[in-house]
N, C-alpha and C. Protein backbone atom coordinates (compact mmCIF):
# COMPACT_ATOMS: atom_id res chain seq x y z
N MET A 1 -137.27 -16.76 -216.79
CA MET A 1 -138.48 -17.50 -217.12
C MET A 1 -139.66 -16.55 -216.99
N ARG A 2 -140.65 -16.74 -217.82
CA ARG A 2 -141.82 -15.87 -217.81
C ARG A 2 -142.64 -16.09 -216.54
N ASN A 3 -143.01 -14.99 -215.88
CA ASN A 3 -143.78 -15.05 -214.65
C ASN A 3 -145.11 -15.78 -214.88
N LYS A 4 -145.73 -15.54 -216.03
CA LYS A 4 -147.01 -16.18 -216.31
C LYS A 4 -146.88 -17.70 -216.29
N GLU A 5 -145.82 -18.22 -216.88
CA GLU A 5 -145.60 -19.67 -216.91
C GLU A 5 -145.37 -20.22 -215.50
N ILE A 6 -144.58 -19.50 -214.72
CA ILE A 6 -144.31 -19.91 -213.34
C ILE A 6 -145.59 -19.91 -212.52
N MET A 7 -146.34 -18.82 -212.63
CA MET A 7 -147.56 -18.68 -211.83
C MET A 7 -148.62 -19.70 -212.24
N GLU A 8 -148.72 -20.00 -213.52
CA GLU A 8 -149.67 -21.03 -213.95
C GLU A 8 -149.33 -22.37 -213.32
N LYS A 9 -148.05 -22.71 -213.26
CA LYS A 9 -147.62 -23.96 -212.64
C LYS A 9 -147.90 -23.95 -211.14
N VAL A 10 -147.55 -22.86 -210.48
CA VAL A 10 -147.77 -22.76 -209.03
C VAL A 10 -149.26 -22.83 -208.70
N ILE A 11 -150.07 -22.11 -209.44
CA ILE A 11 -151.52 -22.11 -209.19
C ILE A 11 -152.11 -23.50 -209.47
N LYS A 12 -151.65 -24.14 -210.54
CA LYS A 12 -152.13 -25.50 -210.85
C LYS A 12 -151.81 -26.45 -209.70
N LEU A 13 -150.58 -26.41 -209.22
CA LEU A 13 -150.20 -27.27 -208.10
C LEU A 13 -150.97 -26.90 -206.84
N ASP A 14 -151.11 -25.60 -206.60
CA ASP A 14 -151.78 -25.10 -205.40
C ASP A 14 -153.24 -25.53 -205.34
N LYS A 15 -153.88 -25.61 -206.49
CA LYS A 15 -155.31 -25.93 -206.54
C LYS A 15 -155.60 -27.39 -206.85
N GLU A 16 -154.55 -28.19 -206.97
CA GLU A 16 -154.74 -29.60 -207.29
C GLU A 16 -155.48 -30.31 -206.16
N THR A 17 -156.49 -31.08 -206.54
CA THR A 17 -157.22 -31.88 -205.56
C THR A 17 -156.35 -33.06 -205.17
N LEU A 18 -156.17 -33.22 -203.88
CA LEU A 18 -155.25 -34.25 -203.37
C LEU A 18 -156.05 -35.45 -202.88
N PHE A 19 -155.78 -36.60 -203.47
CA PHE A 19 -156.51 -37.82 -203.14
C PHE A 19 -155.69 -38.80 -202.30
N SER A 20 -154.41 -38.57 -202.19
CA SER A 20 -153.57 -39.50 -201.43
C SER A 20 -152.43 -38.75 -200.75
N ARG A 21 -151.85 -39.40 -199.79
CA ARG A 21 -150.69 -38.85 -199.10
C ARG A 21 -149.52 -38.67 -200.07
N GLU A 22 -149.39 -39.63 -200.96
CA GLU A 22 -148.30 -39.59 -201.94
C GLU A 22 -148.46 -38.41 -202.89
N GLN A 23 -149.68 -38.19 -203.34
CA GLN A 23 -149.96 -37.06 -204.23
C GLN A 23 -149.70 -35.74 -203.49
N SER A 24 -150.07 -35.69 -202.24
CA SER A 24 -149.84 -34.51 -201.42
C SER A 24 -148.34 -34.23 -201.28
N ALA A 25 -147.55 -35.26 -201.05
CA ALA A 25 -146.09 -35.11 -200.93
C ALA A 25 -145.51 -34.59 -202.24
N ARG A 26 -145.97 -35.13 -203.37
CA ARG A 26 -145.48 -34.69 -204.68
C ARG A 26 -145.74 -33.20 -204.88
N VAL A 27 -146.96 -32.78 -204.59
CA VAL A 27 -147.32 -31.38 -204.77
C VAL A 27 -146.50 -30.49 -203.84
N MET A 28 -146.38 -30.88 -202.59
CA MET A 28 -145.65 -30.06 -201.62
C MET A 28 -144.18 -29.89 -202.00
N VAL A 29 -143.54 -30.98 -202.41
CA VAL A 29 -142.12 -30.91 -202.75
C VAL A 29 -141.92 -30.06 -204.00
N GLN A 30 -142.74 -30.26 -205.02
CA GLN A 30 -142.58 -29.51 -206.27
C GLN A 30 -142.88 -28.03 -206.07
N ILE A 31 -143.97 -27.72 -205.41
CA ILE A 31 -144.34 -26.31 -205.25
C ILE A 31 -143.32 -25.59 -204.37
N ALA A 32 -142.77 -26.30 -203.40
CA ALA A 32 -141.79 -25.67 -202.50
C ALA A 32 -140.55 -25.21 -203.26
N ILE A 33 -139.99 -26.08 -204.11
CA ILE A 33 -138.76 -25.69 -204.81
C ILE A 33 -139.05 -24.62 -205.86
N ILE A 34 -140.18 -24.69 -206.52
CA ILE A 34 -140.51 -23.67 -207.53
C ILE A 34 -140.72 -22.32 -206.86
N ARG A 35 -141.48 -22.29 -205.77
CA ARG A 35 -141.70 -21.03 -205.04
C ARG A 35 -140.38 -20.46 -204.53
N LYS A 36 -139.57 -21.32 -203.93
CA LYS A 36 -138.31 -20.86 -203.36
C LYS A 36 -137.35 -20.37 -204.44
N ALA A 37 -137.31 -21.08 -205.56
CA ALA A 37 -136.38 -20.73 -206.64
C ALA A 37 -136.68 -19.36 -207.24
N PHE A 38 -137.95 -18.98 -207.26
CA PHE A 38 -138.34 -17.71 -207.88
C PHE A 38 -138.88 -16.69 -206.89
N GLY A 39 -138.91 -17.02 -205.62
CA GLY A 39 -139.40 -16.08 -204.61
C GLY A 39 -140.89 -15.80 -204.72
N VAL A 40 -141.66 -16.80 -205.08
CA VAL A 40 -143.11 -16.64 -205.22
C VAL A 40 -143.74 -16.65 -203.83
N LYS A 41 -144.46 -15.59 -203.52
CA LYS A 41 -145.13 -15.46 -202.22
C LYS A 41 -146.52 -16.07 -202.28
N ASN A 42 -147.03 -16.49 -201.12
CA ASN A 42 -148.35 -17.12 -201.06
C ASN A 42 -149.46 -16.23 -201.61
N ASP A 43 -149.42 -14.95 -201.31
CA ASP A 43 -150.51 -14.07 -201.73
C ASP A 43 -150.51 -13.78 -203.24
N GLU A 44 -149.45 -14.11 -203.93
CA GLU A 44 -149.39 -13.86 -205.37
C GLU A 44 -150.37 -14.73 -206.15
N THR A 45 -150.75 -15.87 -205.60
CA THR A 45 -151.65 -16.77 -206.33
C THR A 45 -153.09 -16.27 -206.33
N ASN A 46 -153.38 -15.29 -205.50
CA ASN A 46 -154.74 -14.74 -205.43
C ASN A 46 -154.89 -13.43 -206.19
N LYS A 47 -153.84 -13.02 -206.87
CA LYS A 47 -153.84 -11.76 -207.61
C LYS A 47 -153.78 -12.05 -209.11
N PRO A 48 -154.20 -11.08 -209.93
CA PRO A 48 -154.03 -11.26 -211.37
C PRO A 48 -152.54 -11.43 -211.70
N VAL A 49 -152.26 -12.31 -212.65
CA VAL A 49 -150.88 -12.61 -213.02
C VAL A 49 -150.39 -11.58 -214.03
N ILE A 50 -149.28 -10.95 -213.71
CA ILE A 50 -148.63 -10.00 -214.60
C ILE A 50 -147.48 -10.75 -215.28
N ASP A 51 -147.38 -10.58 -216.59
CA ASP A 51 -146.34 -11.31 -217.31
C ASP A 51 -145.09 -10.44 -217.46
N TYR A 52 -143.99 -10.97 -217.00
CA TYR A 52 -142.68 -10.34 -217.12
C TYR A 52 -141.64 -11.44 -216.95
N GLU A 53 -140.40 -11.11 -217.21
CA GLU A 53 -139.32 -12.08 -217.03
C GLU A 53 -138.98 -12.12 -215.54
N ARG A 54 -139.24 -13.26 -214.91
CA ARG A 54 -138.98 -13.41 -213.48
C ARG A 54 -137.63 -14.11 -213.31
N GLU A 55 -136.81 -13.52 -212.51
CA GLU A 55 -135.45 -14.03 -212.30
C GLU A 55 -135.44 -15.17 -211.28
N LEU A 56 -134.58 -16.12 -211.54
CA LEU A 56 -134.31 -17.20 -210.61
C LEU A 56 -133.49 -16.60 -209.47
N ILE A 57 -133.95 -16.76 -208.23
CA ILE A 57 -133.22 -16.13 -207.12
C ILE A 57 -132.30 -17.10 -206.38
N LEU A 58 -132.43 -18.40 -206.65
CA LEU A 58 -131.51 -19.38 -206.08
C LEU A 58 -130.41 -19.69 -207.09
N THR A 59 -129.21 -19.82 -206.60
CA THR A 59 -128.11 -20.24 -207.48
C THR A 59 -128.17 -21.75 -207.66
N ASP A 60 -127.45 -22.24 -208.64
CA ASP A 60 -127.37 -23.69 -208.84
C ASP A 60 -126.85 -24.38 -207.59
N ASP A 61 -125.89 -23.78 -206.93
CA ASP A 61 -125.33 -24.38 -205.72
C ASP A 61 -126.36 -24.42 -204.58
N GLU A 62 -127.19 -23.40 -204.48
CA GLU A 62 -128.24 -23.40 -203.45
C GLU A 62 -129.27 -24.48 -203.73
N ILE A 63 -129.58 -24.69 -205.00
CA ILE A 63 -130.51 -25.76 -205.36
C ILE A 63 -129.87 -27.12 -205.09
N ARG A 64 -128.58 -27.23 -205.36
CA ARG A 64 -127.85 -28.47 -205.05
C ARG A 64 -127.90 -28.77 -203.55
N LYS A 65 -127.79 -27.74 -202.72
CA LYS A 65 -127.87 -27.94 -201.26
C LYS A 65 -129.24 -28.49 -200.87
N GLU A 66 -130.28 -27.97 -201.50
CA GLU A 66 -131.63 -28.49 -201.24
C GLU A 66 -131.70 -29.97 -201.59
N TYR A 67 -131.14 -30.31 -202.75
CA TYR A 67 -131.11 -31.69 -203.22
C TYR A 67 -130.34 -32.57 -202.24
N GLU A 68 -129.20 -32.07 -201.77
CA GLU A 68 -128.37 -32.83 -200.82
C GLU A 68 -129.13 -33.16 -199.54
N GLN A 69 -130.02 -32.28 -199.13
CA GLN A 69 -130.82 -32.56 -197.92
C GLN A 69 -131.70 -33.79 -198.13
N TYR A 70 -132.28 -33.90 -199.31
CA TYR A 70 -133.09 -35.09 -199.61
C TYR A 70 -132.22 -36.34 -199.62
N LEU A 71 -131.03 -36.24 -200.19
CA LEU A 71 -130.12 -37.38 -200.18
C LEU A 71 -129.73 -37.78 -198.76
N ASN A 72 -129.53 -36.79 -197.89
CA ASN A 72 -129.19 -37.08 -196.50
C ASN A 72 -130.31 -37.83 -195.79
N PHE A 73 -131.57 -37.44 -196.07
CA PHE A 73 -132.70 -38.16 -195.48
C PHE A 73 -132.75 -39.60 -196.00
N LEU A 74 -132.46 -39.77 -197.29
CA LEU A 74 -132.43 -41.11 -197.87
C LEU A 74 -131.33 -41.94 -197.21
N LYS A 75 -130.16 -41.36 -197.06
CA LYS A 75 -129.03 -42.05 -196.43
C LYS A 75 -129.41 -42.48 -195.01
N TRP A 76 -130.04 -41.58 -194.27
CA TRP A 76 -130.47 -41.88 -192.91
C TRP A 76 -131.43 -43.07 -192.89
N SER A 77 -132.40 -43.07 -193.80
CA SER A 77 -133.39 -44.16 -193.83
C SER A 77 -132.74 -45.49 -194.19
N ILE A 78 -131.74 -45.46 -195.06
CA ILE A 78 -131.02 -46.68 -195.43
C ILE A 78 -130.22 -47.20 -194.24
N GLU A 79 -129.55 -46.29 -193.53
CA GLU A 79 -128.78 -46.69 -192.35
C GLU A 79 -129.67 -47.29 -191.27
N LYS A 80 -130.88 -46.74 -191.13
CA LYS A 80 -131.83 -47.23 -190.13
C LYS A 80 -132.57 -48.48 -190.59
N LYS A 81 -132.35 -48.84 -191.87
CA LYS A 81 -133.02 -50.00 -192.47
C LYS A 81 -134.53 -49.87 -192.39
N ASP A 82 -135.00 -48.64 -192.59
CA ASP A 82 -136.43 -48.35 -192.59
C ASP A 82 -136.90 -48.29 -194.04
N LEU A 83 -137.42 -49.40 -194.54
CA LEU A 83 -137.79 -49.51 -195.95
C LEU A 83 -138.91 -48.56 -196.34
N ASP A 84 -139.86 -48.32 -195.42
CA ASP A 84 -140.95 -47.38 -195.73
C ASP A 84 -140.41 -45.96 -195.92
N LYS A 85 -139.56 -45.54 -195.01
CA LYS A 85 -138.96 -44.20 -195.13
C LYS A 85 -138.05 -44.11 -196.34
N GLU A 86 -137.33 -45.18 -196.61
CA GLU A 86 -136.45 -45.20 -197.77
C GLU A 86 -137.26 -44.96 -199.05
N ARG A 87 -138.36 -45.69 -199.18
CA ARG A 87 -139.22 -45.51 -200.36
C ARG A 87 -139.79 -44.09 -200.41
N GLU A 88 -140.20 -43.58 -199.26
CA GLU A 88 -140.75 -42.22 -199.18
C GLU A 88 -139.72 -41.18 -199.63
N PHE A 89 -138.49 -41.32 -199.16
CA PHE A 89 -137.46 -40.34 -199.52
C PHE A 89 -137.01 -40.49 -200.97
N LYS A 90 -137.00 -41.70 -201.49
CA LYS A 90 -136.71 -41.88 -202.92
C LYS A 90 -137.76 -41.16 -203.76
N ASN A 91 -139.02 -41.32 -203.37
CA ASN A 91 -140.09 -40.63 -204.08
C ASN A 91 -139.93 -39.11 -204.00
N GLN A 92 -139.60 -38.61 -202.81
CA GLN A 92 -139.44 -37.17 -202.64
C GLN A 92 -138.29 -36.64 -203.50
N ILE A 93 -137.23 -37.41 -203.62
CA ILE A 93 -136.12 -37.01 -204.49
C ILE A 93 -136.61 -36.89 -205.93
N ASN A 94 -137.39 -37.86 -206.37
CA ASN A 94 -137.93 -37.80 -207.73
C ASN A 94 -138.87 -36.61 -207.92
N TYR A 95 -139.68 -36.32 -206.91
CA TYR A 95 -140.58 -35.15 -207.00
C TYR A 95 -139.76 -33.86 -207.07
N PHE A 96 -138.71 -33.80 -206.27
CA PHE A 96 -137.84 -32.62 -206.28
C PHE A 96 -137.22 -32.44 -207.66
N ILE A 97 -136.71 -33.52 -208.23
CA ILE A 97 -136.10 -33.46 -209.55
C ILE A 97 -137.12 -33.00 -210.58
N ASP A 98 -138.35 -33.49 -210.50
CA ASP A 98 -139.41 -33.06 -211.42
C ASP A 98 -139.70 -31.56 -211.26
N GLY A 99 -139.69 -31.08 -210.03
CA GLY A 99 -139.91 -29.66 -209.78
C GLY A 99 -138.79 -28.82 -210.39
N VAL A 100 -137.55 -29.25 -210.21
CA VAL A 100 -136.40 -28.53 -210.77
C VAL A 100 -136.44 -28.58 -212.29
N ALA A 101 -136.86 -29.71 -212.84
CA ALA A 101 -136.92 -29.86 -214.31
C ALA A 101 -137.85 -28.82 -214.94
N PHE A 102 -138.83 -28.37 -214.20
CA PHE A 102 -139.76 -27.35 -214.72
C PHE A 102 -139.02 -26.08 -215.12
N PHE A 103 -137.97 -25.73 -214.37
CA PHE A 103 -137.29 -24.46 -214.65
C PHE A 103 -135.81 -24.59 -214.98
N HIS A 104 -135.21 -25.79 -214.78
CA HIS A 104 -133.77 -25.94 -215.03
C HIS A 104 -133.47 -27.39 -215.42
N ARG A 105 -133.71 -27.72 -216.66
CA ARG A 105 -133.56 -29.09 -217.16
C ARG A 105 -132.15 -29.63 -216.93
N GLY A 106 -131.13 -28.83 -217.16
CA GLY A 106 -129.76 -29.29 -217.01
C GLY A 106 -129.45 -29.73 -215.58
N LEU A 107 -129.90 -28.97 -214.61
CA LEU A 107 -129.67 -29.32 -213.22
C LEU A 107 -130.47 -30.56 -212.84
N ALA A 108 -131.68 -30.68 -213.33
CA ALA A 108 -132.50 -31.86 -213.07
C ALA A 108 -131.83 -33.11 -213.64
N ASP A 109 -131.26 -32.99 -214.84
CA ASP A 109 -130.55 -34.13 -215.43
C ASP A 109 -129.33 -34.51 -214.60
N GLU A 110 -128.63 -33.51 -214.08
CA GLU A 110 -127.49 -33.77 -213.19
C GLU A 110 -127.94 -34.54 -211.96
N PHE A 111 -129.06 -34.14 -211.37
CA PHE A 111 -129.58 -34.81 -210.18
C PHE A 111 -129.98 -36.25 -210.49
N LYS A 112 -130.60 -36.46 -211.66
CA LYS A 112 -131.00 -37.81 -212.05
C LYS A 112 -129.79 -38.73 -212.16
N LYS A 113 -128.73 -38.24 -212.79
CA LYS A 113 -127.51 -39.03 -212.91
C LYS A 113 -126.91 -39.30 -211.54
N ASN A 114 -126.92 -38.28 -210.71
CA ASN A 114 -126.36 -38.39 -209.36
C ASN A 114 -127.12 -39.41 -208.52
N VAL A 115 -128.43 -39.38 -208.58
CA VAL A 115 -129.22 -40.30 -207.75
C VAL A 115 -129.05 -41.74 -208.25
N LEU A 116 -128.89 -41.92 -209.55
CA LEU A 116 -128.62 -43.26 -210.08
C LEU A 116 -127.27 -43.76 -209.60
N GLN A 117 -126.28 -42.90 -209.62
CA GLN A 117 -124.94 -43.26 -209.13
C GLN A 117 -124.99 -43.55 -207.64
N TYR A 118 -125.74 -42.75 -206.90
CA TYR A 118 -125.88 -42.94 -205.46
C TYR A 118 -126.50 -44.29 -205.16
N ALA A 119 -127.53 -44.66 -205.93
CA ALA A 119 -128.21 -45.94 -205.73
C ALA A 119 -127.27 -47.12 -205.99
N LYS A 120 -126.39 -46.97 -206.96
CA LYS A 120 -125.43 -48.04 -207.26
C LYS A 120 -124.42 -48.24 -206.14
N ASN A 121 -124.07 -47.13 -205.47
CA ASN A 121 -123.05 -47.19 -204.42
C ASN A 121 -123.58 -47.62 -203.07
N VAL A 122 -124.90 -47.68 -202.92
CA VAL A 122 -125.48 -48.01 -201.62
C VAL A 122 -125.61 -49.50 -201.46
């Protein structure tokens, strides 16, 4: 993926004015997976953007592990019958999927199908 495209997304998220806790959670979850997936360092957002092909440094399986952590939090909240936390973790899963969709549509689609199947089984 082009570094310029990645950095524009990271900088946009980084500079987004946050008006709610929910908006803050969305930005944090999305920027975290994008930064981690491409190894974007904090100080890179303050430098001029150089355009080159930036390699994805996380494997699909490593991204799946990240996704599984969100599912585990959701499972925990369901077991505890904590509806507020359940809603919060469902939202975070959707934010994570949106973040992954930015750079890997196929994996994001897999996660969407998985979370729908998970919801049916709960």
